[in-house]
PDB file of N, CA and C in Angstrom:
ATOM      1  N   MET A   1      40.564 127.645  91.909  1.00  0.00           N
ATOM      2  CA  MET A   1      41.026 127.101  93.033  1.00  0.00           C
ATOM      3  C   MET A   1      40.025 127.157  94.355  1.00  0.00           C
ATOM      4  N   LYS A   2      38.630 127.709  94.312  1.00  0.00           N
ATOM      5  CA  LYS A   2      37.644 127.934  95.344  1.00  0.00           C
ATOM      6  C   LYS A   2      37.153 126.138  95.253  1.00  0.00           C
ATOM      7  N   ASN A   3      36.741 125.841  93.970  1.00  0.00           N
ATOM      8  CA  ASN A   3      36.290 124.106  94.056  1.00  0.00           C
ATOM      9  C   ASN A   3      37.257 123.458  94.580  1.00  0.00           C
ATOM     10  N   CYS A   4      38.389 123.863  94.758  1.00  0.00           N
ATOM     11  CA  CYS A   4      39.033 122.583  94.783  1.00  0.00           C
ATOM     12  C   CYS A   4      39.128 122.168  96.528  1.00  0.00           C
ATOM     13  N   ARG A   5      39.234 123.953  97.213  1.00  0.00           N
ATOM     14  CA  ARG A   5      38.860 123.742  98.661  1.00  0.00           C
ATOM     15  C   ARG A   5      37.707 123.260  99.359  1.00  0.00           C
ATOM     16  N   MET A   6      36.451 123.197  98.362  1.00  0.00           N
ATOM     17  CA  MET A   6      35.040 122.707  98.433  1.00  0.00           C
ATOM     18  C   MET A   6      35.344 121.267  98.399  1.00  0.00           C
ATOM     19  N   MET A   7      35.827 120.789  97.452  1.00  0.00           N
ATOM     20  CA  MET A   7      36.523 119.544  97.738  1.00  0.00           C
ATOM     21  C   MET A   7      36.924 118.779  98.767  1.00  0.00           C
ATOM     22  N   LEU A   8      38.029 119.627  99.163  1.00  0.00           N
ATOM     23  CA  LEU A   8      39.066 118.823 100.277  1.00  0.00           C
ATOM     24  C   LEU A   8      37.602 118.796 101.798  1.00  0.00           C
ATOM     25  N   VAL A   9      37.084 120.096 101.313  1.00  0.00           N
ATOM     26  CA  VAL A   9      36.169 120.217 102.425  1.00  0.00           C
ATOM     27  C   VAL A   9      35.123 119.020 102.879  1.00  0.00           C
ATOM     28  N   LEU A  10      34.397 118.601 101.625  1.00  0.00           N
ATOM     29  CA  LEU A  10      33.779 117.758 101.145  1.00  0.00           C
ATOM     30  C   LEU A  10      34.365 116.247 101.606  1.00  0.00           C
ATOM     31  N   LEU A  11      35.261 116.541 101.348  1.00  0.00           N
ATOM     32  CA  LEU A  11      36.257 114.994 101.783  1.00  0.00           C
ATOM     33  C   LEU A  11      36.788 114.917 103.092  1.00  0.00           C
ATOM     34  N   LEU A  12      37.047 116.232 103.547  1.00  0.00           N
ATOM     35  CA  LEU A  12      37.236 115.986 105.207  1.00  0.00           C
ATOM     36  C   LEU A  12      35.944 115.657 106.026  1.00  0.00           C
ATOM     37  N   ILE A  13      35.028 116.236 105.848  1.00  0.00           N
ATOM     38  CA  ILE A  13      33.656 116.167 106.067  1.00  0.00           C
ATOM     39  C   ILE A  13      33.613 114.632 106.294  1.00  0.00           C
ATOM     40  N   SER A  14      33.371 113.720 104.999  1.00  0.00           N
ATOM     41  CA  SER A  14      33.410 112.481 104.738  1.00  0.00           C
ATOM     42  C   SER A  14      34.009 111.317 105.249  1.00  0.00           C
ATOM     43  N   THR A  15      35.185 111.885 105.480  1.00  0.00           N
ATOM     44  CA  THR A  15      36.114 110.551 105.964  1.00  0.00           C
ATOM     45  C   THR A  15      35.579 111.025 107.531  1.00  0.00           C
ATOM     46  N   GLY A  16      35.383 112.340 108.296  1.00  0.00           N
ATOM     47  CA  GLY A  16      35.145 112.432 109.452  1.00  0.00           C
ATOM     48  C   GLY A  16      33.761 111.034 110.016  1.00  0.00           C
ATOM     49  N   LEU A  17      33.202 111.380 109.109  1.00  0.00           N
ATOM     50  CA  LEU A  17      32.126 110.392 109.114  1.00  0.00           C
ATOM     51  C   LEU A  17      32.363 108.717 109.235  1.00  0.00           C
ATOM     52  N   SER A  18      33.138 108.399 107.982  1.00  0.00           N
ATOM     53  CA  SER A  18      33.795 107.169 108.079  1.00  0.00           C
ATOM     54  C   SER A  18      34.488 106.925 109.448  1.00  0.00           C
ATOM     55  N   ALA A  19      35.311 108.196 109.843  1.00  0.00           N
ATOM     56  CA  ALA A  19      35.932 107.374 111.271  1.00  0.00           C
ATOM     57  C   ALA A  19      35.230 107.286 112.613  1.00  0.00           C
ATOM     58  N   SER A  20      34.160 107.392 112.014  1.00  0.00           N
ATOM     59  CA  SER A  20      33.105 107.699 113.579  1.00  0.00           C
ATOM     60  C   SER A  20      32.935 106.541 113.793  1.00  0.00           C
ATOM     61  N   THR A  21      32.585 106.637 115.575  1.00  0.00           N
ATOM     62  CA  THR A  21      32.536 105.158 116.482  1.00  0.00           C
ATOM     63  C   THR A  21      31.271 104.566 115.423  1.00  0.00           C
ATOM     64  N   PRO A  22      31.356 103.138 115.470  1.00  0.00           N
ATOM     65  CA  PRO A  22      29.897 102.180 114.513  1.00  0.00           C
ATOM     66  C   PRO A  22      28.734 102.786 115.990  1.00  0.00           C
ATOM     67  N   GLY A  23      27.808 102.808 115.317  1.00  0.00           N
ATOM     68  CA  GLY A  23      26.634 102.710 116.080  1.00  0.00           C
ATOM     69  C   GLY A  23      26.109 101.379 116.338  1.00  0.00           C
ATOM     70  N   LYS A  24      25.309 101.266 117.273  1.00  0.00           N
ATOM     71  CA  LYS A  24      24.678  99.802 117.777  1.00  0.00           C
ATOM     72  C   LYS A  24      23.623  99.197 117.076  1.00  0.00           C
ATOM     73  N   SER A  25      23.816  97.873 116.954  1.00  0.00           N
ATOM     74  CA  SER A  25      22.694  97.203 115.655  1.00  0.00           C
ATOM     75  C   SER A  25      21.608  97.680 116.197  1.00  0.00           C
ATOM     76  N   LEU A  26      20.510  97.067 115.423  1.00  0.00           N
ATOM     77  CA  LEU A  26      19.143  97.431 115.917  1.00  0.00           C
ATOM     78  C   LEU A  26      18.514  96.538 116.743  1.00  0.00           C
ATOM     79  N   ASN A  27      19.542  95.415 117.524  1.00  0.00           N
ATOM     80  CA  ASN A  27      18.965  94.790 118.642  1.00  0.00           C
ATOM     81  C   ASN A  27      20.483  95.289 119.501  1.00  0.00           C
ATOM     82  N   ASP A  28      19.544  95.201 120.367  1.00  0.00           N
ATOM     83  CA  ASP A  28      20.910  95.511 121.373  1.00  0.00           C
ATOM     84  C   ASP A  28      22.063  94.635 122.218  1.00  0.00           C
ATOM     85  N   SER A  29      22.249  93.078 121.089  1.00  0.00           N
ATOM     86  CA  SER A  29      23.724  92.952 121.217  1.00  0.00           C
ATOM     87  C   SER A  29      24.811  93.662 120.864  1.00  0.00           C
ATOM     88  N   GLY A  30      25.588  93.922 122.328  1.00  0.00           N
ATOM     89  CA  GLY A  30      26.585  94.756 121.538  1.00  0.00           C
ATOM     90  C   GLY A  30      27.899  94.212 120.687  1.00  0.00           C
ATOM     91  N   ASN A  31      28.083  92.588 120.731  1.00  0.00           N
ATOM     92  CA  ASN A  31      28.805  92.218 120.580  1.00  0.00           C
ATOM     93  C   ASN A  31      28.449  91.607 118.660  1.00  0.00           C
ATOM     94  N   SER A  32      27.185  91.234 118.704  1.00  0.00           N
ATOM     95  CA  SER A  32      27.111  91.110 117.286  1.00  0.00           C
ATOM     96  C   SER A  32      27.100  92.044 116.323  1.00  0.00           C
ATOM     97  N   ASP A  33      27.494  91.431 115.037  1.00  0.00           N
ATOM     98  CA  ASP A  33      27.687  92.655 113.742  1.00  0.00           C
ATOM     99  C   ASP A  33      26.679  92.089 112.567  1.00  0.00           C
ATOM    100  N   LYS A  34      25.315  92.800 113.322  1.00  0.00           N
ATOM    101  CA  LYS A  34      24.097  92.384 112.345  1.00  0.00           C
ATOM    102  C   LYS A  34      24.417  92.847 110.648  1.00  0.00           C
ATOM    103  N   TRP A  35      23.796  92.620 110.015  1.00  0.00           N
ATOM    104  CA  TRP A  35      23.574  92.872 108.285  1.00  0.00           C
ATOM    105  C   TRP A  35      22.821  94.354 108.850  1.00  0.00           C
ATOM    106  N   LEU A  36      21.671  94.007 109.387  1.00  0.00           N
ATOM    107  CA  LEU A  36      20.724  95.352 109.737  1.00  0.00           C
ATOM    108  C   LEU A  36      21.170  96.144 110.763  1.00  0.00           C
ATOM    109  N   ALA A  37      22.191  97.065 110.602  1.00  0.00           N
ATOM    110  CA  ALA A  37      22.441  98.199 111.664  1.00  0.00           C
ATOM    111  C   ALA A  37      22.983  99.262 111.454  1.00  0.00           C
ATOM    112  N   LEU A  38      22.515 100.757 111.919  1.00  0.00           N
ATOM    113  CA  LEU A  38      22.871 101.855 111.869  1.00  0.00           C
ATOM    114  C   LEU A  38      24.083 101.920 111.132  1.00  0.00           C
ATOM    115  N   ASP A  39      25.026 101.464 111.925  1.00  0.00           N
ATOM    116  CA  ASP A  39      26.661 101.182 111.431  1.00  0.00           C
ATOM    117  C   ASP A  39      26.447 101.067 109.805  1.00  0.00           C
ATOM    118  N   LYS A  40      25.894  99.562 108.994  1.00  0.00           N
ATOM    119  CA  LYS A  40      26.426  99.616 108.286  1.00  0.00           C
ATOM    120  C   LYS A  40      25.461 100.117 107.161  1.00  0.00           C
ATOM    121  N   LEU A  41      24.413 100.813 107.286  1.00  0.00           N
ATOM    122  CA  LEU A  41      23.891 102.223 106.415  1.00  0.00           C
ATOM    123  C   LEU A  41      24.926 103.549 106.679  1.00  0.00           C
ATOM    124  N   LYS A  42      25.606 103.518 107.672  1.00  0.00           N
ATOM    125  CA  LYS A  42      26.695 104.930 107.925  1.00  0.00           C
ATOM    126  C   LYS A  42      27.975 104.518 107.003  1.00  0.00           C
ATOM    127  N   HIS A  43      28.398 102.710 106.962  1.00  0.00           N
ATOM    128  CA  HIS A  43      29.435 103.089 105.812  1.00  0.00           C
ATOM    129  C   HIS A  43      29.270 103.105 104.648  1.00  0.00           C
ATOM    130  N   PHE A  44      27.764 102.522 103.844  1.00  0.00           N
ATOM    131  CA  PHE A  44      27.144 102.761 102.287  1.00  0.00           C
ATOM    132  C   PHE A  44      26.938 103.779 102.270  1.00  0.00           C
ATOM    133  N   SER A  45      26.268 105.159 102.987  1.00  0.00           N
ATOM    134  CA  SER A  45      25.987 106.223 102.735  1.00  0.00           C
ATOM    135  C   SER A  45      27.585 106.830 102.501  1.00  0.00           C
ATOM    136  N   THR A  46      27.872 106.957 103.632  1.00  0.00           N
ATOM    137  CA  THR A  46      29.845 107.351 103.654  1.00  0.00           C
ATOM    138  C   THR A  46      30.374 106.962 101.754  1.00  0.00           C
ATOM    139  N   SER A  47      30.737 105.942 102.058  1.00  0.00           N
ATOM    140  CA  SER A  47      31.288 105.680 100.762  1.00  0.00           C
ATOM    141  C   SER A  47      30.666 106.011  99.529  1.00  0.00           C
ATOM    142  N   LEU A  48      29.011 106.028  99.566  1.00  0.00           N
ATOM    143  CA  LEU A  48      28.696 106.744  98.096  1.00  0.00           C
ATOM    144  C   LEU A  48      28.687 108.000  98.259  1.00  0.00           C
ATOM    145  N   PHE A  49      28.840 108.646  99.179  1.00  0.00           N
ATOM    146  CA  PHE A  49      28.886 110.453  99.338  1.00  0.00           C
ATOM    147  C   PHE A  49      30.536 110.083  99.293  1.00  0.00           C
ATOM    148  N   MET A  50      31.132 109.056  99.441  1.00  0.00           N
ATOM    149  CA  MET A  50      33.167 110.221  99.262  1.00  0.00           C
ATOM    150  C   MET A  50      33.294 109.624  97.480  1.00  0.00           C
ATOM    151  N   THR A  51      32.666 109.060  97.455  1.00  0.00           N
ATOM    152  CA  THR A  51      33.102 108.112  95.861  1.00  0.00           C
ATOM    153  C   THR A  51      32.700 109.158  94.771  1.00  0.00           C
ATOM    154  N   THR A  52      31.294 109.803  94.907  1.00  0.00           N
ATOM    155  CA  THR A  52      30.504 110.291  94.142  1.00  0.00           C
ATOM    156  C   THR A  52      31.342 111.945  94.286  1.00  0.00           C
ATOM    157  N   THR A  53      31.366 112.621  95.685  1.00  0.00           N
ATOM    158  CA  THR A  53      32.383 113.545  95.381  1.00  0.00           C
ATOM    159  C   THR A  53      33.709 113.907  95.060  1.00  0.00           C
ATOM    160  N   LEU A  54      34.705 112.558  95.176  1.00  0.00           N
ATOM    161  CA  LEU A  54      35.810 112.018  94.697  1.00  0.00           C
ATOM    162  C   LEU A  54      35.659 111.957  92.774  1.00  0.00           C
ATOM    163  N   PHE A  55      34.720 111.613  92.269  1.00  0.00           N
ATOM    164  CA  PHE A  55      34.317 111.545  90.887  1.00  0.00           C
ATOM    165  C   PHE A  55      34.119 112.960  90.164  1.00  0.00           C
ATOM    166  N   TYR A  56      33.495 113.977  91.057  1.00  0.00           N
ATOM    167  CA  TYR A  56      33.265 114.857  90.405  1.00  0.00           C
ATOM    168  C   TYR A  56      34.289 116.093  90.899  1.00  0.00           C
ATOM    169  N   GLY A  57      34.849 115.762  91.731  1.00  0.00           N
ATOM    170  CA  GLY A  57      36.265 116.468  91.902  1.00  0.00           C
ATOM    171  C   GLY A  57      37.337 116.205  91.000  1.00  0.00           C
ATOM    172  N   GLN A  58      37.286 114.825  90.797  1.00  0.00           N
ATOM    173  CA  GLN A  58      38.401 115.075  89.580  1.00  0.00           C
ATOM    174  C   GLN A  58      37.686 114.941  88.004  1.00  0.00           C
ATOM    175  N   ASN A  59      37.004 114.378  87.827  1.00  0.00           N
ATOM    176  CA  ASN A  59      36.060 114.630  86.486  1.00  0.00           C
ATOM    177  C   ASN A  59      35.775 115.837  85.954  1.00  0.00           C
ATOM    178  N   ARG A  60      35.025 116.555  86.844  1.00  0.00           N
ATOM    179  CA  ARG A  60      34.379 117.832  86.581  1.00  0.00           C
ATOM    180  C   ARG A  60      35.523 119.054  86.811  1.00  0.00           C
ATOM    181  N   VAL A  61      36.266 118.775  87.874  1.00  0.00           N
ATOM    182  CA  VAL A  61      36.791 120.170  88.362  1.00  0.00           C
ATOM    183  C   VAL A  61      38.393 120.048  87.536  1.00  0.00           C
ATOM    184  N   PHE A  62      38.902 119.060  87.591  1.00  0.00           N
ATOM    185  CA  PHE A  62      40.283 118.925  87.243  1.00  0.00           C
ATOM    186  C   PHE A  62      40.337 117.890  85.484  1.00  0.00           C
ATOM    187  N   ASP A  63      39.110 117.643  85.347  1.00  0.00           N
ATOM    188  CA  ASP A  63      39.245 117.441  83.817  1.00  0.00           C
ATOM    189  C   ASP A  63      39.712 115.874  83.455  1.00  0.00           C
ATOM    190  N   VAL A  64      39.602 115.367  84.579  1.00  0.00           N
ATOM    191  CA  VAL A  64      39.980 113.572  84.530  1.00  0.00           C
ATOM    192  C   VAL A  64      39.476 112.816  84.035  1.00  0.00           C
ATOM    193  N   GLN A  65      39.579 111.809  82.743  1.00  0.00           N
ATOM    194  CA  GLN A  65      38.819 111.002  82.478  1.00  0.00           C
ATOM    195  C   GLN A  65      37.787 110.361  83.109  1.00  0.00           C
ATOM    196  N   ALA A  66      36.595 110.049  82.616  1.00  0.00           N
ATOM    197  CA  ALA A  66      35.657 109.221  83.517  1.00  0.00           C
ATOM    198  C   ALA A  66      36.000 108.108  84.279  1.00  0.00           C
ATOM    199  N   GLU A  67      37.166 106.878  83.303  1.00  0.00           N
ATOM    200  CA  GLU A  67      37.177 105.960  83.552  1.00  0.00           C
ATOM    201  C   GLU A  67      38.308 105.864  84.703  1.00  0.00           C
ATOM    202  N   LYS A  68      38.769 106.833  84.456  1.00  0.00           N
ATOM    203  CA  LYS A  68      40.000 107.005  85.871  1.00  0.00           C
ATOM    204  C   LYS A  68      39.532 107.569  86.466  1.00  0.00           C
ATOM    205  N   SER A  69      38.644 108.623  86.486  1.00  0.00           N
ATOM    206  CA  SER A  69      38.064 108.896  87.994  1.00  0.00           C
ATOM    207  C   SER A  69      37.569 108.026  88.923  1.00  0.00           C
ATOM    208  N   ASN A  70      36.574 107.182  88.041  1.00  0.00           N
ATOM    209  CA  ASN A  70      36.020 106.184  88.531  1.00  0.00           C
ATOM    210  C   ASN A  70      36.773 105.126  89.244  1.00  0.00           C
ATOM    211  N   MET A  71      37.704 104.771  88.738  1.00  0.00           N
ATOM    212  CA  MET A  71      38.939 103.987  89.322  1.00  0.00           C
ATOM    213  C   MET A  71      39.460 104.314  90.791  1.00  0.00           C
ATOM    214  N   LYS A  72      39.835 105.528  90.537  1.00  0.00           N
ATOM    215  CA  LYS A  72      40.476 106.657  91.348  1.00  0.00           C
ATOM    216  C   LYS A  72      39.765 106.430  92.667  1.00  0.00           C
ATOM    217  N   ALA A  73      38.494 107.134  92.406  1.00  0.00           N
ATOM    218  CA  ALA A  73      37.320 107.409  93.096  1.00  0.00           C
ATOM    219  C   ALA A  73      36.973 106.020  94.335  1.00  0.00           C
ATOM    220  N   VAL A  74      37.029 105.222  93.531  1.00  0.00           N
ATOM    221  CA  VAL A  74      36.580 104.175  94.755  1.00  0.00           C
ATOM    222  C   VAL A  74      37.821 103.151  94.891  1.00  0.00           C
ATOM    223  N   GLY A  75      39.083 103.528  94.410  1.00  0.00           N
ATOM    224  CA  GLY A  75      40.182 102.864  95.227  1.00  0.00           C
ATOM    225  C   GLY A  75      40.446 104.016  96.287  1.00  0.00           C
ATOM    226  N   VAL A  76      40.287 105.021  96.512  1.00  0.00           N
ATOM    227  CA  VAL A  76      40.567 105.804  97.671  1.00  0.00           C
ATOM    228  C   VAL A  76      39.728 105.383  98.513  1.00  0.00           C
ATOM    229  N   THR A  77      38.205 105.251  98.189  1.00  0.00           N
ATOM    230  CA  THR A  77      37.192 105.215  98.985  1.00  0.00           C
ATOM    231  C   THR A  77      37.173 103.592  99.882  1.00  0.00           C
ATOM    232  N   ILE A  78      37.540 102.753  98.819  1.00  0.00           N
ATOM    233  CA  ILE A  78      37.629 101.526  99.097  1.00  0.00           C
ATOM    234  C   ILE A  78      38.825 101.350 100.030  1.00  0.00           C
ATOM    235  N   SER A  79      39.961 102.005 100.233  1.00  0.00           N
ATOM    236  CA  SER A  79      41.026 102.052 100.986  1.00  0.00           C
ATOM    237  C   SER A  79      40.893 102.978 102.348  1.00  0.00           C
ATOM    238  N   LEU A  80      40.503 103.690 102.266  1.00  0.00           N
ATOM    239  CA  LEU A  80      40.134 104.614 103.815  1.00  0.00           C
ATOM    240  C   LEU A  80      38.913 103.549 104.149  1.00  0.00           C
ATOM    241  N   GLY A  81      37.607 102.980 103.825  1.00  0.00           N
ATOM    242  CA  GLY A  81      37.403 102.046 104.639  1.00  0.00           C
ATOM    243  C   GLY A  81      38.039 100.436 105.117  1.00  0.00           C
ATOM    244  N   LEU A  82      39.172 100.436 104.547  1.00  0.00           N
ATOM    245  CA  LEU A  82      40.079  99.106 105.065  1.00  0.00           C
ATOM    246  C   LEU A  82      40.713  99.812 106.025  1.00  0.00           C
ATOM    247  N   LEU A  83      41.253 100.666 106.047  1.00  0.00           N
ATOM    248  CA  LEU A  83      42.320 101.614 107.450  1.00  0.00           C
ATOM    249  C   LEU A  83      41.368 101.846 108.113  1.00  0.00           C
ATOM    250  N   LYS A  84      40.096 102.117 107.793  1.00  0.00           N
ATOM    251  CA  LYS A  84      39.298 102.505 109.275  1.00  0.00           C
ATOM    252  C   LYS A  84      39.021 100.963 109.690  1.00  0.00           C
ATOM    253  N   GLU A  85      38.802  99.973 109.144  1.00  0.00           N
ATOM    254  CA  GLU A  85      38.540  98.784 109.798  1.00  0.00           C
ATOM    255  C   GLU A  85      39.843  97.953 110.314  1.00  0.00           C
ATOM    256  N   LEU A  86      41.093  98.055 109.648  1.00  0.00           N
ATOM    257  CA  LEU A  86      41.894  97.464 110.465  1.00  0.00           C
ATOM    258  C   LEU A  86      42.418  98.572 111.554  1.00  0.00           C
ATOM    259  N   GLY A  87      42.255  99.970 111.750  1.00  0.00           N
ATOM    260  CA  GLY A  87      42.380 100.620 113.238  1.00  0.00           C
ATOM    261  C   GLY A  87      41.479 100.006 114.283  1.00  0.00           C
ATOM    262  N   ASP A  88      40.004  99.618 113.761  1.00  0.00           N
ATOM    263  CA  ASP A  88      38.869  99.313 114.629  1.00  0.00           C
ATOM    264  C   ASP A  88      39.716  97.861 115.547  1.00  0.00           C
ATOM    265  N   SER A  89      40.097  97.078 114.416  1.00  0.00           N
ATOM    266  CA  SER A  89      41.100  95.720 115.351  1.00  0.00           C
ATOM    267  C   SER A  89      41.940  96.199 116.267  1.00  0.00           C
ATOM    268  N   ARG A  90      42.167  97.090 115.623  1.00  0.00           N
ATOM    269  CA  ARG A  90      43.423  97.488 117.397  1.00  0.00           C
ATOM    270  C   ARG A  90      43.099  98.234 118.537  1.00  0.00           C
ATOM    271  N   HIS A  91      41.380  98.130 118.617  1.00  0.00           N
ATOM    272  CA  HIS A  91      41.161  98.431 119.732  1.00  0.00           C
ATOM    273  C   HIS A  91      40.026  97.362 120.333  1.00  0.00           C
ATOM    274  N   ASP A  92      40.194  97.576 121.740  1.00  0.00           N
ATOM    275  CA  ASP A  92      39.236  96.944 122.303  1.00  0.00           C
ATOM    276  C   ASP A  92      38.055  96.804 122.142  1.00  0.00           C
ATOM    277  N   ILE A  93      37.626  98.468 121.788  1.00  0.00           N
ATOM    278  CA  ILE A  93      35.955  98.185 121.876  1.00  0.00           C
ATOM    279  C   ILE A  93      35.250  98.119 120.519  1.00  0.00           C
ATOM    280  N   ASN A  94      36.116  98.116 119.648  1.00  0.00           N
ATOM    281  CA  ASN A  94      36.025  97.751 118.194  1.00  0.00           C
ATOM    282  C   ASN A  94      36.414  96.586 117.590  1.00  0.00           C
ATOM    283  N   HIS A  95      36.363  96.146 116.622  1.00  0.00           N
ATOM    284  CA  HIS A  95      36.552  95.037 115.882  1.00  0.00           C
ATOM    285  C   HIS A  95      36.810  95.415 114.314  1.00  0.00           C
ATOM    286  N   PHE A  96      37.477  94.136 113.827  1.00  0.00           N
ATOM    287  CA  PHE A  96      37.708  94.448 112.300  1.00  0.00           C
ATOM    288  C   PHE A  96      35.999  93.957 111.806  1.00  0.00           C
ATOM    289  N   SER A  97      35.721  94.395 111.134  1.00  0.00           N
ATOM    290  CA  SER A  97      34.161  93.860 110.419  1.00  0.00           C
ATOM    291  C   SER A  97      34.149  93.735 108.978  1.00  0.00           C
ATOM    292  N   TRP A  98      34.090  92.268 108.555  1.00  0.00           N
ATOM    293  CA  TRP A  98      34.067  91.970 106.365  1.00  0.00           C
ATOM    294  C   TRP A  98      32.753  92.564 106.628  1.00  0.00           C
ATOM    295  N   ARG A  99      31.593  92.987 107.375  1.00  0.00           N
ATOM    296  CA  ARG A  99      30.467  93.433 107.146  1.00  0.00           C
ATOM    297  C   ARG A  99      30.352  94.826 106.702  1.00  0.00           C
ATOM    298  N   ASP A 100      31.251  95.507 107.424  1.00  0.00           N
ATOM    299  CA  ASP A 100      31.037  97.092 107.192  1.00  0.00           C
ATOM    300  C   ASP A 100      31.808  97.170 105.900  1.00  0.00           C
ATOM    301  N   LEU A 101      33.169  96.417 105.682  1.00  0.00           N
ATOM    302  CA  LEU A 101      34.035  96.750 104.523  1.00  0.00           C
ATOM    303  C   LEU A 101      32.877  96.308 103.138  1.00  0.00           C
ATOM    304  N   ILE A 102      32.542  95.289 103.385  1.00  0.00           N
ATOM    305  CA  ILE A 102      31.372  94.782 102.454  1.00  0.00           C
ATOM    306  C   ILE A 102      30.224  96.346 101.872  1.00  0.00           C
ATOM    307  N   ALA A 103      30.137  96.805 103.284  1.00  0.00           N
ATOM    308  CA  ALA A 103      28.928  97.795 103.200  1.00  0.00           C
ATOM    309  C   ALA A 103      29.999  99.179 102.575  1.00  0.00           C
ATOM    310  N   ASP A 104      31.096  99.108 102.568  1.00  0.00           N
ATOM    311  CA  ASP A 104      31.703 100.570 102.466  1.00  0.00           C
ATOM    312  C   ASP A 104      32.185  99.778 100.466  1.00  0.00           C
ATOM    313  N   ILE A 105      32.288  99.008 100.409  1.00  0.00           N
ATOM    314  CA  ILE A 105      32.274  98.278  98.912  1.00  0.00           C
ATOM    315  C   ILE A 105      30.635  98.162  98.135  1.00  0.00           C
ATOM    316  N   LEU A 106      29.572  98.447  98.541  1.00  0.00           N
ATOM    317  CA  LEU A 106      28.494  98.505  98.131  1.00  0.00           C
ATOM    318  C   LEU A 106      28.127 100.097  97.896  1.00  0.00           C
ATOM    319  N   GLY A 107      28.411 100.687  98.848  1.00  0.00           N
ATOM    320  CA  GLY A 107      28.016 102.031  98.438  1.00  0.00           C
ATOM    321  C   GLY A 107      29.240 102.458  97.542  1.00  0.00           C
ATOM    322  N   ALA A 108      30.312 102.236  97.465  1.00  0.00           N
ATOM    323  CA  ALA A 108      31.159 102.608  96.286  1.00  0.00           C
ATOM    324  C   ALA A 108      30.874 102.260  95.147  1.00  0.00           C
ATOM    325  N   GLY A 109      30.636 100.957  94.936  1.00  0.00           N
ATOM    326  CA  GLY A 109      29.709 100.311  93.662  1.00  0.00           C
ATOM    327  C   GLY A 109      28.500 101.161  93.156  1.00  0.00           C
ATOM    328  N   THR A 110      27.630 101.422  94.144  1.00  0.00           N
ATOM    329  CA  THR A 110      26.591 102.089  93.469  1.00  0.00           C
ATOM    330  C   THR A 110      26.572 103.315  93.221  1.00  0.00           C
ATOM    331  N   ALA A 111      27.723 104.069  93.799  1.00  0.00           N
ATOM    332  CA  ALA A 111      28.084 105.534  93.383  1.00  0.00           C
ATOM    333  C   ALA A 111      28.056 105.765  91.584  1.00  0.00           C
ATOM    334  N   ILE A 112      29.259 104.302  91.728  1.00  0.00           N
ATOM    335  CA  ILE A 112      29.526 104.872  90.489  1.00  0.00           C
ATOM    336  C   ILE A 112      28.353 103.985  89.155  1.00  0.00           C
ATOM    337  N   LEU A 113      27.901 103.228  89.643  1.00  0.00           N
ATOM    338  CA  LEU A 113      26.432 102.607  88.570  1.00  0.00           C
ATOM    339  C   LEU A 113      25.490 103.995  88.666  1.00  0.00           C
ATOM    340  N   ILE A 114      25.336 104.516  89.504  1.00  0.00           N
ATOM    341  CA  ILE A 114      24.312 105.890  89.558  1.00  0.00           C
ATOM    342  C   ILE A 114      25.313 106.747  88.450  1.00  0.00           C
ATOM    343  N   LEU A 115      26.572 107.295  88.803  1.00  0.00           N
ATOM    344  CA  LEU A 115      27.873 108.375  87.716  1.00  0.00           C
ATOM    345  C   LEU A 115      27.437 107.878  86.552  1.00  0.00           C
ATOM    346  N   ASN A 116      27.797 106.212  86.331  1.00  0.00           N
ATOM    347  CA  ASN A 116      27.434 106.115  84.788  1.00  0.00           C
ATOM    348  C   ASN A 116      26.515 106.022  84.152  1.00  0.00           C
ATOM    349  N   ARG A 117      25.369 106.161  84.458  1.00  0.00           N
ATOM    350  CA  ARG A 117      23.376 106.171  84.271  1.00  0.00           C
ATOM    351  C   ARG A 117      23.654 108.069  84.238  1.00  0.00           C
ATOM    352  N   ILE A 118      24.164 108.731  84.649  1.00  0.00           N
ATOM    353  CA  ILE A 118      24.149 110.481  84.835  1.00  0.00           C
ATOM    354  C   ILE A 118      24.653 110.495  83.842  1.00  0.00           C
ATOM    355  N   GLY A 119      26.176 110.111  83.653  1.00  0.00           N
ATOM    356  CA  GLY A 119      27.147 110.798  83.158  1.00  0.00           C
ATOM    357  C   GLY A 119      26.951 110.588  81.710  1.00  0.00           C
TER     358      GLY A 119
END
């Protein structure tokens, strides 16, 4: 039960980071969506962290097979990233960013590559 609570806390923290306001790009043009931006690093690292946390929570705590844990962790992470981008598209300040979504996918994919090497 203690492990469940810890996993829930980590998941809430990581989704809070994912839902934070996007950072400015490295140059000061506010409307441009640069590949080399702090926002892309946030998307990548949050997705990597979420996928890893979800995988370990399922695989190690709840004893779910690694393949199923991989698919579920990536599915939830990318779904949350997509929901964030759809939410951004409804605001005047933010916009839907394919580049943010790609950074989310790359972060989740990197986590799975690392986990499969460790596992």
